[in-house]
N, C-alpha and C. Protein backbone atom coordinates (compact mmCIF):
# COMPACT_ATOMS: atom_id res chain seq x y z
N MET A 1 0.84 -1.18 0.00
CA MET A 1 0.00 0.00 0.00
C MET A 1 0.89 1.25 0.00
N ILE A 2 0.35 2.28 -0.61
CA ILE A 2 1.06 3.55 -0.75
C ILE A 2 0.24 4.63 -0.06
N ALA A 3 0.91 5.48 0.71
CA ALA A 3 0.23 6.59 1.38
C ALA A 3 0.77 7.91 0.87
N GLY A 4 -0.07 8.90 0.93
CA GLY A 4 0.33 10.27 0.67
C GLY A 4 -0.08 11.11 1.86
N ILE A 5 0.80 12.02 2.26
CA ILE A 5 0.50 12.84 3.43
C ILE A 5 0.65 14.31 3.08
N ASP A 6 -0.41 15.06 3.35
CA ASP A 6 -0.36 16.51 3.27
C ASP A 6 -0.04 17.00 4.68
N VAL A 7 1.14 17.58 4.83
CA VAL A 7 1.61 17.98 6.15
C VAL A 7 1.02 19.34 6.51
N GLY A 8 0.44 19.41 7.69
CA GLY A 8 -0.07 20.66 8.23
C GLY A 8 0.60 20.97 9.55
N LYS A 9 0.49 22.21 9.98
CA LYS A 9 1.10 22.59 11.27
C LYS A 9 0.39 21.91 12.43
N ARG A 10 -0.94 21.76 12.31
CA ARG A 10 -1.71 21.15 13.40
C ARG A 10 -2.24 19.77 13.04
N VAL A 11 -2.69 19.61 11.79
CA VAL A 11 -3.30 18.35 11.35
C VAL A 11 -2.66 17.92 10.04
N CYS A 12 -2.34 16.65 9.94
CA CYS A 12 -1.84 16.08 8.69
C CYS A 12 -2.94 15.19 8.12
N HIS A 13 -3.12 15.28 6.80
CA HIS A 13 -4.12 14.46 6.12
C HIS A 13 -3.42 13.35 5.36
N MET A 14 -4.13 12.23 5.23
CA MET A 14 -3.53 11.04 4.64
C MET A 14 -4.49 10.38 3.66
N ALA A 15 -3.92 9.91 2.56
CA ALA A 15 -4.65 9.08 1.60
C ALA A 15 -3.85 7.80 1.41
N VAL A 16 -4.53 6.67 1.40
CA VAL A 16 -3.87 5.38 1.19
C VAL A 16 -4.44 4.75 -0.08
N ILE A 17 -3.52 4.30 -0.94
CA ILE A 17 -3.89 3.68 -2.21
C ILE A 17 -3.58 2.19 -2.16
N GLU A 18 -4.55 1.40 -2.59
CA GLU A 18 -4.35 -0.02 -2.87
C GLU A 18 -4.72 -0.20 -4.33
N GLU A 19 -3.76 -0.63 -5.13
CA GLU A 19 -3.91 -0.77 -6.58
C GLU A 19 -4.29 0.59 -7.17
N ASP A 20 -5.51 0.75 -7.67
CA ASP A 20 -5.90 2.03 -8.28
C ASP A 20 -7.05 2.70 -7.53
N GLU A 21 -7.11 2.48 -6.22
CA GLU A 21 -8.22 3.02 -5.44
C GLU A 21 -7.74 3.54 -4.09
N VAL A 22 -8.28 4.70 -3.72
CA VAL A 22 -8.00 5.24 -2.39
C VAL A 22 -8.89 4.49 -1.40
N THR A 23 -8.25 3.80 -0.46
CA THR A 23 -8.99 3.00 0.51
C THR A 23 -9.13 3.68 1.86
N TYR A 24 -8.33 4.71 2.08
CA TYR A 24 -8.46 5.51 3.31
C TYR A 24 -8.17 6.95 2.95
N LEU A 25 -9.01 7.85 3.47
CA LEU A 25 -8.82 9.28 3.28
C LEU A 25 -9.28 9.98 4.55
N GLY A 26 -8.36 10.67 5.20
CA GLY A 26 -8.70 11.35 6.45
C GLY A 26 -7.45 11.83 7.15
N GLU A 27 -7.56 11.95 8.47
CA GLU A 27 -6.40 12.40 9.25
C GLU A 27 -5.34 11.31 9.31
N LEU A 28 -4.10 11.73 9.53
CA LEU A 28 -2.95 10.83 9.58
C LEU A 28 -3.16 9.72 10.60
N ARG A 29 -2.83 8.48 10.18
CA ARG A 29 -2.88 7.32 11.06
C ARG A 29 -1.61 6.52 10.86
N PHE A 30 -1.18 5.86 11.92
CA PHE A 30 0.01 5.02 11.85
C PHE A 30 -0.33 3.54 11.96
N ASP A 31 -1.61 3.21 12.07
CA ASP A 31 -2.02 1.81 12.24
C ASP A 31 -2.36 1.13 10.93
N ILE A 32 -2.21 1.81 9.81
CA ILE A 32 -2.48 1.22 8.50
C ILE A 32 -1.13 0.75 7.94
N PRO A 33 -1.03 -0.53 7.58
CA PRO A 33 0.26 -1.01 7.07
C PRO A 33 0.53 -0.49 5.66
N ILE A 34 1.60 0.29 5.53
CA ILE A 34 1.98 0.83 4.23
C ILE A 34 3.45 0.49 3.97
N ARG A 35 3.82 0.49 2.70
CA ARG A 35 5.22 0.20 2.34
C ARG A 35 5.94 1.45 1.83
N PHE A 36 5.16 2.39 1.27
CA PHE A 36 5.73 3.60 0.69
C PHE A 36 4.88 4.79 1.10
N VAL A 37 5.53 5.95 1.27
CA VAL A 37 4.78 7.16 1.60
C VAL A 37 5.40 8.35 0.89
N GLY A 38 4.53 9.20 0.37
CA GLY A 38 4.94 10.48 -0.21
C GLY A 38 4.55 11.58 0.76
N ILE A 39 5.52 12.37 1.16
CA ILE A 39 5.27 13.44 2.14
C ILE A 39 5.35 14.79 1.43
N ASP A 40 4.27 15.55 1.53
CA ASP A 40 4.19 16.89 0.93
C ASP A 40 4.77 17.90 1.91
N ALA A 41 6.09 17.95 1.96
CA ALA A 41 6.82 18.90 2.81
C ALA A 41 8.28 18.83 2.39
N PRO A 42 9.00 19.94 2.48
CA PRO A 42 10.44 19.85 2.21
C PRO A 42 11.10 19.02 3.30
N LEU A 43 11.80 17.97 2.90
CA LEU A 43 12.43 17.07 3.87
C LEU A 43 13.89 17.41 4.10
N THR A 44 14.40 18.36 3.33
CA THR A 44 15.74 18.90 3.54
C THR A 44 15.64 20.42 3.34
N MET A 45 16.67 21.11 3.75
CA MET A 45 16.74 22.57 3.57
C MET A 45 17.92 22.90 2.64
N PRO A 46 17.84 24.06 1.97
CA PRO A 46 18.94 24.44 1.09
C PRO A 46 20.24 24.64 1.87
N ARG A 47 21.33 24.27 1.23
CA ARG A 47 22.63 24.48 1.87
C ARG A 47 22.97 25.97 1.92
N SER A 48 22.48 26.70 0.92
CA SER A 48 22.64 28.15 0.92
C SER A 48 21.54 28.75 0.07
N GLY A 49 21.19 29.98 0.32
CA GLY A 49 20.13 30.64 -0.44
C GLY A 49 18.74 30.20 -0.03
N PHE A 50 17.79 30.50 -0.90
CA PHE A 50 16.39 30.21 -0.61
C PHE A 50 15.92 28.87 -1.16
N PHE A 51 16.54 28.40 -2.25
CA PHE A 51 16.06 27.21 -2.93
C PHE A 51 17.11 26.11 -2.94
N ARG A 52 16.61 24.87 -2.92
CA ARG A 52 17.47 23.71 -3.12
C ARG A 52 17.68 23.53 -4.63
N GLU A 53 18.70 22.80 -4.99
CA GLU A 53 18.99 22.55 -6.40
C GLU A 53 17.81 21.86 -7.10
N CYS A 54 17.15 20.92 -6.43
CA CYS A 54 16.01 20.22 -7.03
C CYS A 54 14.87 21.20 -7.34
N GLU A 55 14.70 22.19 -6.51
CA GLU A 55 13.65 23.19 -6.74
C GLU A 55 14.02 24.11 -7.91
N ARG A 56 15.30 24.43 -8.02
CA ARG A 56 15.74 25.24 -9.16
C ARG A 56 15.49 24.48 -10.47
N LYS A 57 15.69 23.16 -10.44
CA LYS A 57 15.41 22.35 -11.63
C LYS A 57 13.91 22.35 -11.96
N LEU A 58 13.07 22.26 -10.95
CA LEU A 58 11.62 22.34 -11.19
C LEU A 58 11.25 23.69 -11.78
N HIS A 59 11.85 24.74 -11.24
CA HIS A 59 11.57 26.09 -11.73
C HIS A 59 11.92 26.22 -13.21
N LYS A 60 13.00 25.58 -13.63
CA LYS A 60 13.42 25.65 -15.05
C LYS A 60 12.41 25.04 -15.99
N ILE A 61 11.59 24.11 -15.51
CA ILE A 61 10.56 23.53 -16.38
C ILE A 61 9.19 24.20 -16.17
N GLY A 62 9.18 25.29 -15.42
CA GLY A 62 7.97 26.09 -15.27
C GLY A 62 7.17 25.88 -14.01
N ILE A 63 7.68 25.10 -13.08
CA ILE A 63 6.94 24.80 -11.85
C ILE A 63 7.32 25.81 -10.78
N VAL A 64 6.34 26.54 -10.29
CA VAL A 64 6.55 27.52 -9.23
C VAL A 64 6.73 26.79 -7.91
N VAL A 65 7.73 27.20 -7.15
CA VAL A 65 8.05 26.55 -5.89
C VAL A 65 8.13 27.59 -4.78
N ILE A 66 7.56 27.26 -3.63
CA ILE A 66 7.69 28.11 -2.45
C ILE A 66 9.04 27.79 -1.81
N PRO A 67 9.85 28.80 -1.53
CA PRO A 67 11.15 28.51 -0.91
C PRO A 67 10.97 27.76 0.42
N PRO A 68 11.68 26.66 0.61
CA PRO A 68 11.51 25.88 1.83
C PRO A 68 11.89 26.64 3.10
N VAL A 69 12.72 27.67 2.96
CA VAL A 69 13.08 28.44 4.15
C VAL A 69 11.87 29.15 4.74
N PHE A 70 10.80 29.31 3.94
CA PHE A 70 9.56 29.90 4.45
C PHE A 70 8.61 28.84 5.01
N LEU A 71 9.02 27.58 4.94
CA LEU A 71 8.17 26.47 5.38
C LEU A 71 8.83 25.69 6.51
N ARG A 72 9.53 26.38 7.38
CA ARG A 72 10.31 25.69 8.43
C ARG A 72 9.44 24.83 9.35
N GLU A 73 8.25 25.31 9.71
CA GLU A 73 7.39 24.51 10.60
C GLU A 73 6.93 23.24 9.89
N ILE A 74 6.53 23.37 8.62
CA ILE A 74 6.09 22.22 7.83
C ILE A 74 7.28 21.27 7.65
N HIS A 75 8.46 21.82 7.40
CA HIS A 75 9.68 21.02 7.25
C HIS A 75 9.92 20.18 8.51
N LYS A 76 9.82 20.80 9.67
CA LYS A 76 10.07 20.08 10.92
C LYS A 76 9.09 18.93 11.10
N VAL A 77 7.81 19.18 10.86
CA VAL A 77 6.81 18.12 10.97
C VAL A 77 7.10 17.01 9.95
N GLY A 78 7.41 17.42 8.72
CA GLY A 78 7.72 16.44 7.67
C GLY A 78 8.91 15.56 8.02
N VAL A 79 9.96 16.16 8.55
CA VAL A 79 11.15 15.39 8.94
C VAL A 79 10.81 14.44 10.08
N ASP A 80 10.03 14.90 11.05
CA ASP A 80 9.61 14.01 12.15
C ASP A 80 8.83 12.80 11.60
N LEU A 81 7.94 13.07 10.63
CA LEU A 81 7.18 11.97 10.03
C LEU A 81 8.10 11.03 9.26
N MET A 82 9.05 11.60 8.52
CA MET A 82 10.00 10.80 7.76
C MET A 82 10.76 9.84 8.68
N VAL A 83 11.25 10.37 9.79
CA VAL A 83 12.01 9.55 10.74
C VAL A 83 11.11 8.44 11.30
N ARG A 84 9.89 8.78 11.67
CA ARG A 84 8.98 7.78 12.24
C ARG A 84 8.64 6.69 11.22
N PHE A 85 8.33 7.10 9.98
CA PHE A 85 8.00 6.10 8.97
C PHE A 85 9.20 5.22 8.63
N ARG A 86 10.36 5.82 8.52
CA ARG A 86 11.56 5.02 8.22
C ARG A 86 11.84 4.02 9.33
N SER A 87 11.57 4.41 10.59
CA SER A 87 11.79 3.47 11.71
C SER A 87 10.80 2.30 11.64
N MET A 88 9.71 2.48 10.89
CA MET A 88 8.72 1.41 10.71
C MET A 88 9.01 0.60 9.44
N GLY A 89 10.11 0.92 8.75
CA GLY A 89 10.46 0.19 7.53
C GLY A 89 9.77 0.69 6.28
N VAL A 90 9.18 1.88 6.34
CA VAL A 90 8.47 2.46 5.20
C VAL A 90 9.45 3.30 4.38
N GLU A 91 9.40 3.15 3.04
CA GLU A 91 10.24 3.96 2.17
C GLU A 91 9.55 5.32 1.97
N VAL A 92 10.32 6.39 2.19
CA VAL A 92 9.77 7.75 2.20
C VAL A 92 10.26 8.54 0.98
N PHE A 93 9.33 9.27 0.37
CA PHE A 93 9.64 10.14 -0.76
C PHE A 93 9.11 11.55 -0.47
N GLU A 94 9.86 12.55 -0.88
CA GLU A 94 9.33 13.92 -0.85
C GLU A 94 8.57 14.15 -2.14
N VAL A 95 7.38 14.69 -2.03
CA VAL A 95 6.55 15.00 -3.19
C VAL A 95 6.07 16.45 -3.11
N TYR A 96 5.61 16.95 -4.24
CA TYR A 96 5.10 18.32 -4.31
C TYR A 96 3.85 18.26 -5.20
N PRO A 97 2.65 18.19 -4.60
CA PRO A 97 1.43 18.00 -5.38
C PRO A 97 1.23 19.01 -6.51
N TYR A 98 1.64 20.26 -6.31
CA TYR A 98 1.48 21.22 -7.41
C TYR A 98 2.32 20.79 -8.62
N ALA A 99 3.52 20.28 -8.38
CA ALA A 99 4.36 19.81 -9.48
C ALA A 99 3.68 18.66 -10.21
N THR A 100 3.08 17.76 -9.46
CA THR A 100 2.37 16.64 -10.08
C THR A 100 1.22 17.15 -10.93
N ARG A 101 0.43 18.06 -10.38
CA ARG A 101 -0.69 18.60 -11.15
C ARG A 101 -0.18 19.33 -12.40
N TYR A 102 0.91 20.05 -12.27
CA TYR A 102 1.49 20.78 -13.39
C TYR A 102 1.90 19.81 -14.51
N VAL A 103 2.64 18.77 -14.14
CA VAL A 103 3.13 17.81 -15.13
C VAL A 103 1.97 17.05 -15.78
N LEU A 104 0.94 16.71 -15.00
CA LEU A 104 -0.20 15.96 -15.53
C LEU A 104 -1.20 16.85 -16.27
N GLY A 105 -0.96 18.15 -16.29
CA GLY A 105 -1.86 19.06 -17.00
C GLY A 105 -3.13 19.39 -16.23
N ILE A 106 -3.11 19.20 -14.93
CA ILE A 106 -4.28 19.49 -14.08
C ILE A 106 -3.98 20.82 -13.38
N ARG A 107 -3.97 21.88 -14.14
CA ARG A 107 -3.45 23.17 -13.68
C ARG A 107 -4.56 24.13 -13.25
N TYR A 108 -5.38 23.69 -12.35
CA TYR A 108 -6.46 24.53 -11.83
C TYR A 108 -6.12 24.94 -10.41
N SER A 109 -6.65 26.08 -10.00
CA SER A 109 -6.41 26.56 -8.65
C SER A 109 -7.28 25.79 -7.66
N LYS A 110 -6.67 25.36 -6.59
CA LYS A 110 -7.44 24.64 -5.57
C LYS A 110 -8.07 25.60 -4.57
N ARG A 111 -7.89 26.88 -4.76
CA ARG A 111 -8.44 27.87 -3.83
C ARG A 111 -9.95 28.03 -3.97
N ARG A 112 -10.46 27.78 -5.17
CA ARG A 112 -11.90 27.90 -5.40
C ARG A 112 -12.49 26.51 -5.61
N ARG A 113 -13.73 26.35 -5.20
CA ARG A 113 -14.41 25.05 -5.31
C ARG A 113 -14.40 24.55 -6.75
N GLU A 114 -14.65 25.43 -7.69
CA GLU A 114 -14.67 25.06 -9.11
C GLU A 114 -13.33 24.44 -9.53
N GLY A 115 -12.25 25.04 -9.10
CA GLY A 115 -10.92 24.52 -9.42
C GLY A 115 -10.68 23.17 -8.78
N ARG A 116 -11.10 23.01 -7.52
CA ARG A 116 -10.93 21.72 -6.84
C ARG A 116 -11.71 20.63 -7.56
N MET A 117 -12.90 20.94 -8.05
CA MET A 117 -13.70 19.95 -8.76
C MET A 117 -13.02 19.56 -10.08
N LYS A 118 -12.39 20.50 -10.75
CA LYS A 118 -11.67 20.19 -11.99
C LYS A 118 -10.42 19.35 -11.70
N ILE A 119 -9.77 19.63 -10.58
CA ILE A 119 -8.62 18.81 -10.17
C ILE A 119 -9.08 17.38 -9.93
N LEU A 120 -10.18 17.20 -9.20
CA LEU A 120 -10.70 15.86 -8.94
C LEU A 120 -11.08 15.16 -10.23
N GLU A 121 -11.67 15.90 -11.15
CA GLU A 121 -12.04 15.34 -12.45
C GLU A 121 -10.79 14.82 -13.17
N GLY A 122 -9.70 15.59 -13.13
CA GLY A 122 -8.45 15.16 -13.74
C GLY A 122 -7.85 13.94 -13.06
N LEU A 123 -7.99 13.86 -11.75
CA LEU A 123 -7.43 12.73 -11.00
C LEU A 123 -8.19 11.43 -11.27
N CYS A 124 -9.46 11.55 -11.68
CA CYS A 124 -10.27 10.35 -11.97
C CYS A 124 -9.66 9.49 -13.07
N LYS A 125 -8.79 10.07 -13.89
CA LYS A 125 -8.13 9.30 -14.95
C LYS A 125 -7.12 8.31 -14.37
N TYR A 126 -6.73 8.51 -13.11
CA TYR A 126 -5.67 7.72 -12.51
C TYR A 126 -6.14 6.85 -11.35
N LEU A 127 -7.16 7.29 -10.62
CA LEU A 127 -7.57 6.62 -9.38
C LEU A 127 -9.07 6.72 -9.16
N LYS A 128 -9.55 5.77 -8.36
CA LYS A 128 -10.90 5.88 -7.79
C LYS A 128 -10.70 6.40 -6.37
N PHE A 129 -11.54 7.31 -5.94
CA PHE A 129 -11.40 7.87 -4.60
C PHE A 129 -12.74 8.42 -4.13
N PRO A 130 -12.91 8.52 -2.80
CA PRO A 130 -14.14 9.11 -2.28
C PRO A 130 -14.18 10.60 -2.58
N HIS A 131 -15.36 11.12 -2.78
CA HIS A 131 -15.49 12.55 -3.05
C HIS A 131 -15.01 13.36 -1.84
N THR A 132 -14.30 14.44 -2.14
CA THR A 132 -13.88 15.37 -1.11
C THR A 132 -13.80 16.76 -1.71
N ASP A 133 -14.03 17.75 -0.90
CA ASP A 133 -13.86 19.14 -1.33
C ASP A 133 -12.77 19.79 -0.49
N ASP A 134 -12.06 19.00 0.30
CA ASP A 134 -11.03 19.51 1.19
C ASP A 134 -9.69 19.53 0.46
N HIS A 135 -9.09 20.71 0.31
CA HIS A 135 -7.85 20.82 -0.46
C HIS A 135 -6.70 20.04 0.18
N ASN A 136 -6.73 19.86 1.49
CA ASN A 136 -5.70 19.06 2.15
C ASN A 136 -5.82 17.58 1.79
N GLU A 137 -7.04 17.08 1.75
CA GLU A 137 -7.26 15.69 1.35
C GLU A 137 -6.91 15.49 -0.12
N ILE A 138 -7.21 16.49 -0.94
CA ILE A 138 -6.85 16.41 -2.36
C ILE A 138 -5.33 16.32 -2.51
N ASP A 139 -4.59 17.14 -1.75
CA ASP A 139 -3.13 17.07 -1.80
C ASP A 139 -2.61 15.73 -1.29
N ALA A 140 -3.27 15.13 -0.31
CA ALA A 140 -2.87 13.80 0.17
C ALA A 140 -3.07 12.75 -0.93
N ILE A 141 -4.18 12.83 -1.64
CA ILE A 141 -4.43 11.92 -2.76
C ILE A 141 -3.35 12.09 -3.83
N ILE A 142 -3.06 13.33 -4.18
CA ILE A 142 -2.05 13.60 -5.20
C ILE A 142 -0.67 13.12 -4.74
N SER A 143 -0.37 13.27 -3.46
CA SER A 143 0.91 12.80 -2.92
C SER A 143 1.05 11.29 -3.08
N ALA A 144 0.00 10.56 -2.77
CA ALA A 144 0.02 9.10 -2.92
C ALA A 144 0.11 8.72 -4.40
N LEU A 145 -0.65 9.40 -5.25
CA LEU A 145 -0.61 9.13 -6.69
C LEU A 145 0.79 9.35 -7.25
N THR A 146 1.46 10.39 -6.80
CA THR A 146 2.80 10.69 -7.29
C THR A 146 3.74 9.52 -7.03
N VAL A 147 3.69 8.97 -5.83
CA VAL A 147 4.54 7.83 -5.49
C VAL A 147 4.14 6.61 -6.31
N LYS A 148 2.83 6.39 -6.48
CA LYS A 148 2.37 5.26 -7.29
C LYS A 148 2.90 5.37 -8.71
N LEU A 149 2.80 6.54 -9.31
CA LEU A 149 3.30 6.72 -10.68
C LEU A 149 4.80 6.45 -10.74
N TYR A 150 5.53 6.92 -9.74
CA TYR A 150 6.97 6.69 -9.69
C TYR A 150 7.28 5.19 -9.60
N LEU A 151 6.60 4.50 -8.71
CA LEU A 151 6.84 3.07 -8.54
C LEU A 151 6.43 2.26 -9.76
N ASP A 152 5.45 2.77 -10.52
CA ASP A 152 5.00 2.12 -11.75
C ASP A 152 5.91 2.45 -12.94
N GLY A 153 6.97 3.22 -12.71
CA GLY A 153 7.88 3.59 -13.79
C GLY A 153 7.44 4.80 -14.58
N ARG A 154 6.43 5.50 -14.07
CA ARG A 154 5.91 6.68 -14.76
C ARG A 154 6.23 7.96 -14.00
N GLY A 155 7.32 7.92 -13.26
CA GLY A 155 7.76 9.07 -12.49
C GLY A 155 9.26 9.16 -12.49
N GLU A 156 9.75 10.25 -11.93
CA GLU A 156 11.20 10.46 -11.85
C GLU A 156 11.52 11.26 -10.61
N MET A 157 12.78 11.13 -10.18
CA MET A 157 13.27 11.92 -9.06
C MET A 157 14.05 13.09 -9.63
N VAL A 158 13.67 14.28 -9.19
CA VAL A 158 14.42 15.48 -9.54
C VAL A 158 15.32 15.76 -8.34
N CYS A 159 16.63 15.61 -8.56
CA CYS A 159 17.56 15.64 -7.43
C CYS A 159 18.63 16.72 -7.59
N GLY A 160 19.14 17.10 -6.45
CA GLY A 160 20.31 17.94 -6.35
C GLY A 160 21.11 17.46 -5.16
N GLU A 161 22.18 18.14 -4.86
CA GLU A 161 23.01 17.74 -3.73
C GLU A 161 22.28 17.86 -2.39
N ASP A 162 21.22 18.67 -2.37
CA ASP A 162 20.54 18.95 -1.10
C ASP A 162 19.09 18.46 -1.06
N GLY A 163 18.76 17.44 -1.87
CA GLY A 163 17.43 16.88 -1.78
C GLY A 163 16.89 16.39 -3.10
N CYS A 164 15.80 15.62 -3.03
CA CYS A 164 15.12 15.06 -4.20
C CYS A 164 13.62 15.22 -4.03
N ILE A 165 12.95 15.47 -5.14
CA ILE A 165 11.49 15.54 -5.18
C ILE A 165 11.01 14.60 -6.28
N VAL A 166 10.03 13.77 -5.98
CA VAL A 166 9.47 12.85 -6.98
C VAL A 166 8.35 13.56 -7.72
N ILE A 167 8.39 13.45 -9.06
CA ILE A 167 7.32 13.99 -9.90
C ILE A 167 6.98 12.96 -10.96
N PRO A 168 5.80 13.06 -11.59
CA PRO A 168 5.49 12.17 -12.71
C PRO A 168 6.38 12.54 -13.91
N LYS A 169 6.57 11.57 -14.79
CA LYS A 169 7.25 11.87 -16.05
C LYS A 169 6.27 12.59 -16.95
N PRO A 170 6.75 13.61 -17.65
CA PRO A 170 5.87 14.28 -18.61
C PRO A 170 5.39 13.29 -19.67
N THR A 171 4.12 13.39 -20.03
CA THR A 171 3.57 12.47 -21.04
C THR A 171 3.51 13.12 -22.40
């Protein structure tokens, strides 16, 4: 099973995928047996400046990235989750749901309900999932999907000396 986690300062949301279906969607749980997890948070910080090398590479292909130095609280929670999952034998990947949506051509704003519905419509091509209008749950679904695509050979790691982010391969 593959999980995706949208990291929040107070609450983390989780989606779990079995084959091509989301079987759990809600708040983070540790009692569901998973083998892989995609965490939507910077799991490393830049060695210097505002951006890591992997983020500069994403920027070169048109993907807007929030500098991780502005996400220190999310980074800390993400790293804590990474350590906990790794201690459980789970393989951990850093993901960025906006990058996944960008590469897959699902480029709608999640700020408005209409945009979230179009994002869900685009995701239906890849997965079955329960209906949600919560942007955090949507990001958790996308985080899990990103890892699934990578494990299926339809993704790639964008890496630099200071970190890696998994994204789908452009189609």
